[in-house]
């Protein structure tokens, strides 16, 4: 988002104080971050909106997100992005084998 709150000098100074690096695409390049936006939408719909995180600690929510990503999303969830419907882990493994065989 290139809104004024993120492009202001005050925001940039605050980032600098915390040694954070701002990453922002050029105007008109909204698709640069589309895959991550899609992933976060999936994470929210499939996991976070189904539980009451308001009553949990930050550490509890981090564990839930870690398990969702590392166990379910990467290893079990069927994907419609690749032709075989493979999970991301299986797709990477098959791609690596295909690259070494070629």
PDB file of N, CA and C in Angstrom:
ATOM      1  N   UNK A   1       0.850  -1.172   0.000  1.00  0.00           N
ATOM      2  CA  UNK A   1       0.000   0.000   0.000  1.00  0.00           C
ATOM      3  C   UNK A   1       0.898   1.238   0.000  1.00  0.00           C
ATOM      4  N   UNK A   2       0.639   2.116  -0.928  1.00  0.00           N
ATOM      5  CA  UNK A   2       1.437   3.336  -1.022  1.00  0.00           C
ATOM      6  C   UNK A   2       0.641   4.537  -0.521  1.00  0.00           C
ATOM      7  N   UNK A   3      -0.213   4.308   0.466  1.00  0.00           N
ATOM      8  CA  UNK A   3      -1.000   5.388   1.040  1.00  0.00           C
ATOM      9  C   UNK A   3      -0.133   6.402   1.753  1.00  0.00           C
ATOM     10  N   UNK A   4      -0.698   7.567   2.005  1.00  0.00           N
ATOM     11  CA  UNK A   4       0.072   8.661   2.596  1.00  0.00           C
ATOM     12  C   UNK A   4       0.617   8.306   3.973  1.00  0.00           C
ATOM     13  N   UNK A   5      -0.083   7.436   4.720  1.00  0.00           N
ATOM     14  CA  UNK A   5       0.416   7.063   6.050  1.00  0.00           C
ATOM     15  C   UNK A   5       1.715   6.274   5.957  1.00  0.00           C
ATOM     16  N   UNK A   6       1.937   5.583   4.841  1.00  0.00           N
ATOM     17  CA  UNK A   6       3.150   4.781   4.678  1.00  0.00           C
ATOM     18  C   UNK A   6       4.270   5.521   3.942  1.00  0.00           C
ATOM     19  N   UNK A   7       3.936   6.623   3.319  1.00  0.00           N
ATOM     20  CA  UNK A   7       4.952   7.387   2.598  1.00  0.00           C
ATOM     21  C   UNK A   7       5.360   8.653   3.354  1.00  0.00           C
ATOM     22  N   UNK A   8       4.762   8.861   4.510  1.00  0.00           N
ATOM     23  CA  UNK A   8       5.056  10.082   5.270  1.00  0.00           C
ATOM     24  C   UNK A   8       6.458  10.028   5.878  1.00  0.00           C
ATOM     25  N   UNK A   9       7.019  11.196   6.119  1.00  0.00           N
ATOM     26  CA  UNK A   9       8.344  11.285   6.743  1.00  0.00           C
ATOM     27  C   UNK A   9       8.322  10.710   8.155  1.00  0.00           C
ATOM     28  N   UNK A  10       7.227  10.929   8.884  1.00  0.00           N
ATOM     29  CA  UNK A  10       7.134  10.425  10.263  1.00  0.00           C
ATOM     30  C   UNK A  10       7.198   8.895  10.279  1.00  0.00           C
ATOM     31  N   UNK A  11       6.519   8.269   9.339  1.00  0.00           N
ATOM     32  CA  UNK A  11       6.523   6.805   9.264  1.00  0.00           C
ATOM     33  C   UNK A  11       7.924   6.289   8.922  1.00  0.00           C
ATOM     34  N   UNK A  12       8.566   6.943   7.975  1.00  0.00           N
ATOM     35  CA  UNK A  12       9.922   6.535   7.581  1.00  0.00           C
ATOM     36  C   UNK A  12      10.907   6.701   8.741  1.00  0.00           C
ATOM     37  N   UNK A  13      10.761   7.769   9.512  1.00  0.00           N
ATOM     38  CA  UNK A  13      11.623   7.969  10.684  1.00  0.00           C
ATOM     39  C   UNK A  13      11.409   6.862  11.717  1.00  0.00           C
ATOM     40  N   UNK A  14      10.146   6.487  11.931  1.00  0.00           N
ATOM     41  CA  UNK A  14       9.835   5.424  12.889  1.00  0.00           C
ATOM     42  C   UNK A  14      10.439   4.098  12.429  1.00  0.00           C
ATOM     43  N   UNK A  15      10.359   3.809  11.150  1.00  0.00           N
ATOM     44  CA  UNK A  15      10.977   2.590  10.622  1.00  0.00           C
ATOM     45  C   UNK A  15      12.484   2.611  10.877  1.00  0.00           C
ATOM     46  N   UNK A  16      13.098   3.753  10.608  1.00  0.00           N
ATOM     47  CA  UNK A  16      14.541   3.896  10.819  1.00  0.00           C
ATOM     48  C   UNK A  16      14.946   3.680  12.264  1.00  0.00           C
ATOM     49  N   UNK A  17      14.150   4.182  13.200  1.00  0.00           N
ATOM     50  CA  UNK A  17      14.451   4.004  14.624  1.00  0.00           C
ATOM     51  C   UNK A  17      14.430   2.532  15.026  1.00  0.00           C
ATOM     52  N   UNK A  18      13.634   1.742  14.329  1.00  0.00           N
ATOM     53  CA  UNK A  18      13.524   0.314  14.646  1.00  0.00           C
ATOM     54  C   UNK A  18      14.342  -0.554  13.686  1.00  0.00           C
ATOM     55  N   UNK A  19      15.192   0.097  12.899  1.00  0.00           N
ATOM     56  CA  UNK A  19      16.061  -0.589  11.936  1.00  0.00           C
ATOM     57  C   UNK A  19      15.268  -1.459  10.955  1.00  0.00           C
ATOM     58  N   UNK A  20      14.071  -0.997  10.608  1.00  0.00           N
ATOM     59  CA  UNK A  20      13.228  -1.709   9.647  1.00  0.00           C
ATOM     60  C   UNK A  20      13.436  -1.102   8.264  1.00  0.00           C
ATOM     61  N   UNK A  21      13.373  -1.944   7.249  1.00  0.00           N
ATOM     62  CA  UNK A  21      13.553  -1.486   5.879  1.00  0.00           C
ATOM     63  C   UNK A  21      12.204  -1.530   5.175  1.00  0.00           C
ATOM     64  N   UNK A  22      11.815  -0.421   4.621  1.00  0.00           N
ATOM     65  CA  UNK A  22      10.537  -0.340   3.926  1.00  0.00           C
ATOM     66  C   UNK A  22      10.668  -0.918   2.520  1.00  0.00           C
ATOM     67  N   UNK A  23       9.682  -1.684   2.121  1.00  0.00           N
ATOM     68  CA  UNK A  23       9.654  -2.254   0.785  1.00  0.00           C
ATOM     69  C   UNK A  23       8.342  -1.845   0.134  1.00  0.00           C
ATOM     70  N   UNK A  24       8.440  -1.139  -0.972  1.00  0.00           N
ATOM     71  CA  UNK A  24       7.238  -0.657  -1.630  1.00  0.00           C
ATOM     72  C   UNK A  24       7.450  -0.679  -3.138  1.00  0.00           C
ATOM     73  N   UNK A  25       6.475  -1.222  -3.856  1.00  0.00           N
ATOM     74  CA  UNK A  25       6.558  -1.273  -5.310  1.00  0.00           C
ATOM     75  C   UNK A  25       6.328   0.100  -5.906  1.00  0.00           C
ATOM     76  N   UNK A  26       6.715   0.239  -7.151  1.00  0.00           N
ATOM     77  CA  UNK A  26       6.436   1.477  -7.877  1.00  0.00           C
ATOM     78  C   UNK A  26       4.945   1.606  -8.137  1.00  0.00           C
ATOM     79  N   UNK A  27       4.508   2.809  -8.416  1.00  0.00           N
ATOM     80  CA  UNK A  27       3.114   3.060  -8.755  1.00  0.00           C
ATOM     81  C   UNK A  27       2.753   2.244  -9.995  1.00  0.00           C
ATOM     82  N   UNK A  28       1.596   1.609  -9.957  1.00  0.00           N
ATOM     83  CA  UNK A  28       1.133   0.837 -11.102  1.00  0.00           C
ATOM     84  C   UNK A  28       1.638  -0.595 -11.138  1.00  0.00           C
ATOM     85  N   UNK A  29       2.353  -1.022 -10.104  1.00  0.00           N
ATOM     86  CA  UNK A  29       2.873  -2.395 -10.069  1.00  0.00           C
ATOM     87  C   UNK A  29       2.225  -3.165  -8.912  1.00  0.00           C
ATOM     88  N   UNK A  30       0.914  -3.160  -8.912  1.00  0.00           N
ATOM     89  CA  UNK A  30       0.182  -3.771  -7.801  1.00  0.00           C
ATOM     90  C   UNK A  30       0.300  -5.286  -7.780  1.00  0.00           C
ATOM     91  N   UNK A  31       0.704  -5.897  -8.887  1.00  0.00           N
ATOM     92  CA  UNK A  31       0.770  -7.351  -8.935  1.00  0.00           C
ATOM     93  C   UNK A  31       2.063  -7.906  -8.337  1.00  0.00           C
ATOM     94  N   UNK A  32       3.011  -7.048  -7.998  1.00  0.00           N
ATOM     95  CA  UNK A  32       4.269  -7.504  -7.409  1.00  0.00           C
ATOM     96  C   UNK A  32       4.045  -8.330  -6.149  1.00  0.00           C
ATOM     97  N   UNK A  33       3.055  -7.981  -5.373  1.00  0.00           N
ATOM     98  CA  UNK A  33       2.818  -8.622  -4.090  1.00  0.00           C
ATOM     99  C   UNK A  33       1.568  -9.508  -4.097  1.00  0.00           C
ATOM    100  N   UNK A  34       1.040  -9.794  -5.263  1.00  0.00           N
ATOM    101  CA  UNK A  34      -0.235 -10.506  -5.368  1.00  0.00           C
ATOM    102  C   UNK A  34      -0.196 -11.895  -4.745  1.00  0.00           C
ATOM    103  N   UNK A  35       0.892 -12.622  -4.925  1.00  0.00           N
ATOM    104  CA  UNK A  35       0.958 -13.983  -4.358  1.00  0.00           C
ATOM    105  C   UNK A  35       0.926 -13.961  -2.837  1.00  0.00           C
ATOM    106  N   UNK A  36       1.636 -13.041  -2.226  1.00  0.00           N
ATOM    107  CA  UNK A  36       1.621 -12.965  -0.760  1.00  0.00           C
ATOM    108  C   UNK A  36       0.263 -12.504  -0.250  1.00  0.00           C
ATOM    109  N   UNK A  37      -0.345 -11.553  -0.930  1.00  0.00           N
ATOM    110  CA  UNK A  37      -1.680 -11.101  -0.534  1.00  0.00           C
ATOM    111  C   UNK A  37      -2.662 -12.267  -0.613  1.00  0.00           C
ATOM    112  N   UNK A  38      -2.547 -13.078  -1.653  1.00  0.00           N
ATOM    113  CA  UNK A  38      -3.411 -14.245  -1.805  1.00  0.00           C
ATOM    114  C   UNK A  38      -3.169 -15.246  -0.682  1.00  0.00           C
ATOM    115  N   UNK A  39      -1.898 -15.494  -0.361  1.00  0.00           N
ATOM    116  CA  UNK A  39      -1.585 -16.422   0.726  1.00  0.00           C
ATOM    117  C   UNK A  39      -2.177 -15.944   2.043  1.00  0.00           C
ATOM    118  N   UNK A  40      -1.997 -14.666   2.372  1.00  0.00           N
ATOM    119  CA  UNK A  40      -2.518 -14.157   3.635  1.00  0.00           C
ATOM    120  C   UNK A  40      -4.041 -14.206   3.673  1.00  0.00           C
ATOM    121  N   UNK A  41      -4.699 -13.981   2.544  1.00  0.00           N
ATOM    122  CA  UNK A  41      -6.156 -14.110   2.487  1.00  0.00           C
ATOM    123  C   UNK A  41      -6.567 -15.546   2.785  1.00  0.00           C
ATOM    124  N   UNK A  42      -5.832 -16.516   2.227  1.00  0.00           N
ATOM    125  CA  UNK A  42      -6.110 -17.927   2.474  1.00  0.00           C
ATOM    126  C   UNK A  42      -5.891 -18.271   3.945  1.00  0.00           C
ATOM    127  N   UNK A  43      -4.789 -17.825   4.517  1.00  0.00           N
ATOM    128  CA  UNK A  43      -4.492 -18.062   5.926  1.00  0.00           C
ATOM    129  C   UNK A  43      -5.617 -17.536   6.814  1.00  0.00           C
ATOM    130  N   UNK A  44      -6.078 -16.344   6.536  1.00  0.00           N
ATOM    131  CA  UNK A  44      -7.141 -15.752   7.345  1.00  0.00           C
ATOM    132  C   UNK A  44      -8.447 -16.520   7.201  1.00  0.00           C
ATOM    133  N   UNK A  45      -8.837 -16.818   5.944  1.00  0.00           N
ATOM    134  CA  UNK A  45     -10.113 -17.509   5.708  1.00  0.00           C
ATOM    135  C   UNK A  45     -10.110 -18.937   6.253  1.00  0.00           C
ATOM    136  N   UNK A  46      -9.027 -19.662   6.011  1.00  0.00           N
ATOM    137  CA  UNK A  46      -8.996 -21.067   6.391  1.00  0.00           C
ATOM    138  C   UNK A  46      -8.660 -21.306   7.859  1.00  0.00           C
ATOM    139  N   UNK A  47      -7.993 -20.369   8.505  1.00  0.00           N
ATOM    140  CA  UNK A  47      -7.559 -20.621   9.880  1.00  0.00           C
ATOM    141  C   UNK A  47      -7.950 -19.529  10.865  1.00  0.00           C
ATOM    142  N   UNK A  48      -7.460 -18.325  10.655  1.00  0.00           N
ATOM    143  CA  UNK A  48      -7.581 -17.299  11.692  1.00  0.00           C
ATOM    144  C   UNK A  48      -9.004 -16.821  11.945  1.00  0.00           C
ATOM    145  N   UNK A  49      -9.824 -16.700  10.903  1.00  0.00           N
ATOM    146  CA  UNK A  49     -11.199 -16.238  11.112  1.00  0.00           C
ATOM    147  C   UNK A  49     -12.080 -17.310  11.751  1.00  0.00           C
ATOM    148  N   UNK A  50     -11.588 -18.530  11.845  1.00  0.00           N
ATOM    149  CA  UNK A  50     -12.372 -19.628  12.418  1.00  0.00           C
ATOM    150  C   UNK A  50     -12.107 -19.827  13.912  1.00  0.00           C
ATOM    151  N   UNK A  51     -11.175 -19.080  14.461  1.00  0.00           N
ATOM    152  CA  UNK A  51     -10.863 -19.192  15.883  1.00  0.00           C
ATOM    153  C   UNK A  51     -10.871 -17.801  16.521  1.00  0.00           C
ATOM    154  N   UNK A  52     -11.082 -17.765  17.821  1.00  0.00           N
ATOM    155  CA  UNK A  52     -11.117 -16.486  18.524  1.00  0.00           C
ATOM    156  C   UNK A  52      -9.713 -16.145  19.029  1.00  0.00           C
ATOM    157  N   UNK A  53      -8.960 -15.464  18.191  1.00  0.00           N
ATOM    158  CA  UNK A  53      -7.580 -15.111  18.549  1.00  0.00           C
ATOM    159  C   UNK A  53      -7.513 -13.992  19.584  1.00  0.00           C
ATOM    160  N   UNK A  54      -8.613 -13.293  19.801  1.00  0.00           N
ATOM    161  CA  UNK A  54      -8.618 -12.179  20.752  1.00  0.00           C
ATOM    162  C   UNK A  54      -8.309 -12.641  22.177  1.00  0.00           C
ATOM    163  N   UNK A  55      -8.628 -13.884  22.469  1.00  0.00           N
ATOM    164  CA  UNK A  55      -8.417 -14.401  23.825  1.00  0.00           C
ATOM    165  C   UNK A  55      -7.120 -15.199  23.935  1.00  0.00           C
ATOM    166  N   UNK A  56      -6.283 -15.143  22.916  1.00  0.00           N
ATOM    167  CA  UNK A  56      -5.031 -15.901  22.914  1.00  0.00           C
ATOM    168  C   UNK A  56      -3.840 -14.966  23.080  1.00  0.00           C
ATOM    169  N   UNK A  57      -2.747 -15.556  23.527  1.00  0.00           N
ATOM    170  CA  UNK A  57      -1.513 -14.785  23.602  1.00  0.00           C
ATOM    171  C   UNK A  57      -0.885 -14.740  22.209  1.00  0.00           C
ATOM    172  N   UNK A  58       0.056 -13.838  22.029  1.00  0.00           N
ATOM    173  CA  UNK A  58       0.763 -13.738  20.754  1.00  0.00           C
ATOM    174  C   UNK A  58       1.473 -15.052  20.450  1.00  0.00           C
ATOM    175  N   UNK A  59       2.066 -15.656  21.456  1.00  0.00           N
ATOM    176  CA  UNK A  59       2.780 -16.926  21.258  1.00  0.00           C
ATOM    177  C   UNK A  59       1.838 -18.033  20.815  1.00  0.00           C
ATOM    178  N   UNK A  60       0.640 -18.088  21.348  1.00  0.00           N
ATOM    179  CA  UNK A  60      -0.334 -19.099  20.937  1.00  0.00           C
ATOM    180  C   UNK A  60      -0.714 -18.929  19.467  1.00  0.00           C
ATOM    181  N   UNK A  61      -0.943 -17.694  19.064  1.00  0.00           N
ATOM    182  CA  UNK A  61      -1.314 -17.419  17.671  1.00  0.00           C
ATOM    183  C   UNK A  61      -0.146 -17.746  16.745  1.00  0.00           C
ATOM    184  N   UNK A  62       1.072 -17.418  17.158  1.00  0.00           N
ATOM    185  CA  UNK A  62       2.249 -17.754  16.353  1.00  0.00           C
ATOM    186  C   UNK A  62       2.355 -19.259  16.136  1.00  0.00           C
ATOM    187  N   UNK A  63       2.092 -20.043  17.183  1.00  0.00           N
ATOM    188  CA  UNK A  63       2.149 -21.504  17.065  1.00  0.00           C
ATOM    189  C   UNK A  63       1.089 -22.019  16.099  1.00  0.00           C
ATOM    190  N   UNK A  64      -0.102 -21.449  16.171  1.00  0.00           N
ATOM    191  CA  UNK A  64      -1.181 -21.860  15.273  1.00  0.00           C
ATOM    192  C   UNK A  64      -0.805 -21.554  13.830  1.00  0.00           C
ATOM    193  N   UNK A  65      -0.269 -20.367  13.597  1.00  0.00           N
ATOM    194  CA  UNK A  65       0.133 -19.985  12.240  1.00  0.00           C
ATOM    195  C   UNK A  65       1.281 -20.860  11.755  1.00  0.00           C
ATOM    196  N   UNK A  66       2.254 -21.119  12.604  1.00  0.00           N
ATOM    197  CA  UNK A  66       3.382 -21.976  12.234  1.00  0.00           C
ATOM    198  C   UNK A  66       2.887 -23.358  11.822  1.00  0.00           C
ATOM    199  N   UNK A  67       2.015 -23.955  12.640  1.00  0.00           N
ATOM    200  CA  UNK A  67       1.493 -25.289  12.317  1.00  0.00           C
ATOM    201  C   UNK A  67       0.697 -25.278  11.019  1.00  0.00           C
ATOM    202  N   UNK A  68      -0.113 -24.234  10.814  1.00  0.00           N
ATOM    203  CA  UNK A  68      -0.900 -24.141   9.591  1.00  0.00           C
ATOM    204  C   UNK A  68       0.016 -24.107   8.368  1.00  0.00           C
ATOM    205  N   UNK A  69       1.031 -23.246   8.402  1.00  0.00           N
ATOM    206  CA  UNK A  69       1.914 -23.064   7.252  1.00  0.00           C
ATOM    207  C   UNK A  69       2.823 -24.269   7.046  1.00  0.00           C
ATOM    208  N   UNK A  70       3.541 -24.660   8.084  1.00  0.00           N
ATOM    209  CA  UNK A  70       4.580 -25.684   7.934  1.00  0.00           C
ATOM    210  C   UNK A  70       4.042 -27.106   7.833  1.00  0.00           C
ATOM    211  N   UNK A  71       2.921 -27.378   8.472  1.00  0.00           N
ATOM    212  CA  UNK A  71       2.391 -28.738   8.442  1.00  0.00           C
ATOM    213  C   UNK A  71       1.248 -28.871   7.446  1.00  0.00           C
ATOM    214  N   UNK A  72       0.222 -28.036   7.577  1.00  0.00           N
ATOM    215  CA  UNK A  72      -0.946 -28.191   6.721  1.00  0.00           C
ATOM    216  C   UNK A  72      -0.746 -27.603   5.317  1.00  0.00           C
ATOM    217  N   UNK A  73      -0.452 -26.313   5.239  1.00  0.00           N
ATOM    218  CA  UNK A  73      -0.392 -25.635   3.937  1.00  0.00           C
ATOM    219  C   UNK A  73       0.705 -26.215   3.045  1.00  0.00           C
ATOM    220  N   UNK A  74       1.897 -26.393   3.576  1.00  0.00           N
ATOM    221  CA  UNK A  74       3.017 -26.864   2.761  1.00  0.00           C
ATOM    222  C   UNK A  74       3.009 -28.365   2.497  1.00  0.00           C
ATOM    223  N   UNK A  75       2.391 -29.161   3.377  1.00  0.00           N
ATOM    224  CA  UNK A  75       2.525 -30.616   3.256  1.00  0.00           C
ATOM    225  C   UNK A  75       1.241 -31.379   2.995  1.00  0.00           C
ATOM    226  N   UNK A  76       0.067 -30.780   3.267  1.00  0.00           N
ATOM    227  CA  UNK A  76      -1.179 -31.534   3.138  1.00  0.00           C
ATOM    228  C   UNK A  76      -2.216 -30.889   2.232  1.00  0.00           C
ATOM    229  N   UNK A  77      -2.254 -29.574   2.200  1.00  0.00           N
ATOM    230  CA  UNK A  77      -3.304 -28.859   1.480  1.00  0.00           C
ATOM    231  C   UNK A  77      -3.134 -29.017  -0.028  1.00  0.00           C
ATOM    232  N   UNK A  78      -4.200 -29.445  -0.696  1.00  0.00           N
ATOM    233  CA  UNK A  78      -4.183 -29.572  -2.150  1.00  0.00           C
ATOM    234  C   UNK A  78      -4.109 -28.168  -2.749  1.00  0.00           C
ATOM    235  N   UNK A  79      -3.315 -28.023  -3.797  1.00  0.00           N
ATOM    236  CA  UNK A  79      -3.128 -26.723  -4.436  1.00  0.00           C
ATOM    237  C   UNK A  79      -3.743 -26.723  -5.831  1.00  0.00           C
ATOM    238  N   UNK A  80      -4.339 -25.617  -6.204  1.00  0.00           N
ATOM    239  CA  UNK A  80      -4.868 -25.483  -7.566  1.00  0.00           C
ATOM    240  C   UNK A  80      -3.912 -24.696  -8.452  1.00  0.00           C
ATOM    241  N   UNK A  81      -2.766 -24.319  -7.923  1.00  0.00           N
ATOM    242  CA  UNK A  81      -1.809 -23.496  -8.656  1.00  0.00           C
ATOM    243  C   UNK A  81      -0.990 -24.330  -9.642  1.00  0.00           C
ATOM    244  N   UNK A  82      -0.671 -25.555  -9.266  1.00  0.00           N
ATOM    245  CA  UNK A  82       0.145 -26.380 -10.165  1.00  0.00           C
ATOM    246  C   UNK A  82      -0.717 -27.467 -10.815  1.00  0.00           C
ATOM    247  N   UNK A  83      -0.284 -28.003 -11.949  1.00  0.00           N
ATOM    248  CA  UNK A  83      -1.102 -28.940 -12.718  1.00  0.00           C
ATOM    249  C   UNK A  83      -1.496 -30.213 -11.966  1.00  0.00           C
ATOM    250  N   UNK A  84      -0.666 -30.695 -11.072  1.00  0.00           N
ATOM    251  CA  UNK A  84      -0.973 -31.932 -10.369  1.00  0.00           C
ATOM    252  C   UNK A  84      -1.800 -31.756  -9.114  1.00  0.00           C
ATOM    253  N   UNK A  85      -2.022 -30.522  -8.692  1.00  0.00           N
ATOM    254  CA  UNK A  85      -2.727 -30.278  -7.448  1.00  0.00           C
ATOM    255  C   UNK A  85      -1.892 -30.632  -6.232  1.00  0.00           C
ATOM    256  N   UNK A  86      -0.590 -30.732  -6.424  1.00  0.00           N
ATOM    257  CA  UNK A  86       0.317 -31.130  -5.350  1.00  0.00           C
ATOM    258  C   UNK A  86       0.459 -30.037  -4.306  1.00  0.00           C
ATOM    259  N   UNK A  87       0.852 -30.457  -3.125  1.00  0.00           N
ATOM    260  CA  UNK A  87       1.166 -29.492  -2.072  1.00  0.00           C
ATOM    261  C   UNK A  87       2.455 -28.769  -2.470  1.00  0.00           C
ATOM    262  N   UNK A  88       2.744 -27.604  -1.896  1.00  0.00           N
ATOM    263  CA  UNK A  88       3.984 -26.904  -2.238  1.00  0.00           C
ATOM    264  C   UNK A  88       5.234 -27.757  -2.034  1.00  0.00           C
ATOM    265  N   UNK A  89       5.274 -28.545  -0.968  1.00  0.00           N
ATOM    266  CA  UNK A  89       6.448 -29.378  -0.693  1.00  0.00           C
ATOM    267  C   UNK A  89       6.642 -30.420  -1.783  1.00  0.00           C
ATOM    268  N   UNK A  90       5.579 -31.120  -2.160  1.00  0.00           N
ATOM    269  CA  UNK A  90       5.667 -32.145  -3.197  1.00  0.00           C
ATOM    270  C   UNK A  90       6.028 -31.507  -4.539  1.00  0.00           C
ATOM    271  N   UNK A  91       5.446 -30.356  -4.830  1.00  0.00           N
ATOM    272  CA  UNK A  91       5.743 -29.673  -6.093  1.00  0.00           C
ATOM    273  C   UNK A  91       7.225 -29.324  -6.182  1.00  0.00           C
ATOM    274  N   UNK A  92       7.799 -28.793  -5.085  1.00  0.00           N
ATOM    275  CA  UNK A  92       9.232 -28.462  -5.081  1.00  0.00           C
ATOM    276  C   UNK A  92      10.081 -29.713  -5.268  1.00  0.00           C
ATOM    277  N   UNK A  93       9.701 -30.790  -4.596  1.00  0.00           N
ATOM    278  CA  UNK A  93      10.463 -32.039  -4.730  1.00  0.00           C
ATOM    279  C   UNK A  93      10.418 -32.555  -6.170  1.00  0.00           C
ATOM    280  N   UNK A  94       9.243 -32.553  -6.773  1.00  0.00           N
ATOM    281  CA  UNK A  94       9.101 -33.038  -8.148  1.00  0.00           C
ATOM    282  C   UNK A  94       9.835 -32.127  -9.124  1.00  0.00           C
ATOM    283  N   UNK A  95       9.802 -30.830  -8.863  1.00  0.00           N
ATOM    284  CA  UNK A  95      10.515 -29.884  -9.727  1.00  0.00           C
ATOM    285  C   UNK A  95      12.016 -30.086  -9.633  1.00  0.00           C
ATOM    286  N   UNK A  96      12.523 -30.344  -8.442  1.00  0.00           N
ATOM    287  CA  UNK A  96      13.968 -30.575  -8.253  1.00  0.00           C
ATOM    288  C   UNK A  96      14.398 -31.836  -8.963  1.00  0.00           C
ATOM    289  N   UNK A  97      13.597 -32.881  -8.886  1.00  0.00           N
ATOM    290  CA  UNK A  97      13.924 -34.136  -9.566  1.00  0.00           C
ATOM    291  C   UNK A  97      13.923 -33.921 -11.077  1.00  0.00           C
ATOM    292  N   UNK A  98      12.946 -33.184 -11.587  1.00  0.00           N
ATOM    293  CA  UNK A  98      12.871 -32.917 -13.028  1.00  0.00           C
ATOM    294  C   UNK A  98      14.067 -32.103 -13.490  1.00  0.00           C
ATOM    295  N   UNK A  99      14.515 -31.163 -12.674  1.00  0.00           N
ATOM    296  CA  UNK A  99      15.663 -30.317 -13.050  1.00  0.00           C
ATOM    297  C   UNK A  99      16.959 -31.132 -13.075  1.00  0.00           C
ATOM    298  N   UNK A 100      17.133 -32.024 -12.120  1.00  0.00           N
ATOM    299  CA  UNK A 100      18.368 -32.819 -12.091  1.00  0.00           C
ATOM    300  C   UNK A 100      18.368 -33.892 -13.164  1.00  0.00           C
ATOM    301  N   UNK A 101      17.177 -34.333 -13.576  1.00  0.00           N
ATOM    302  CA  UNK A 101      17.084 -35.359 -14.619  1.00  0.00           C
ATOM    303  C   UNK A 101      17.308 -34.761 -16.009  1.00  0.00           C
ATOM    304  N   UNK A 102      17.061 -33.488 -16.140  1.00  0.00           N
ATOM    305  CA  UNK A 102      17.173 -32.852 -17.465  1.00  0.00           C
ATOM    306  C   UNK A 102      18.592 -32.523 -17.851  1.00  0.00           C
TER     307      UNK A 102
END
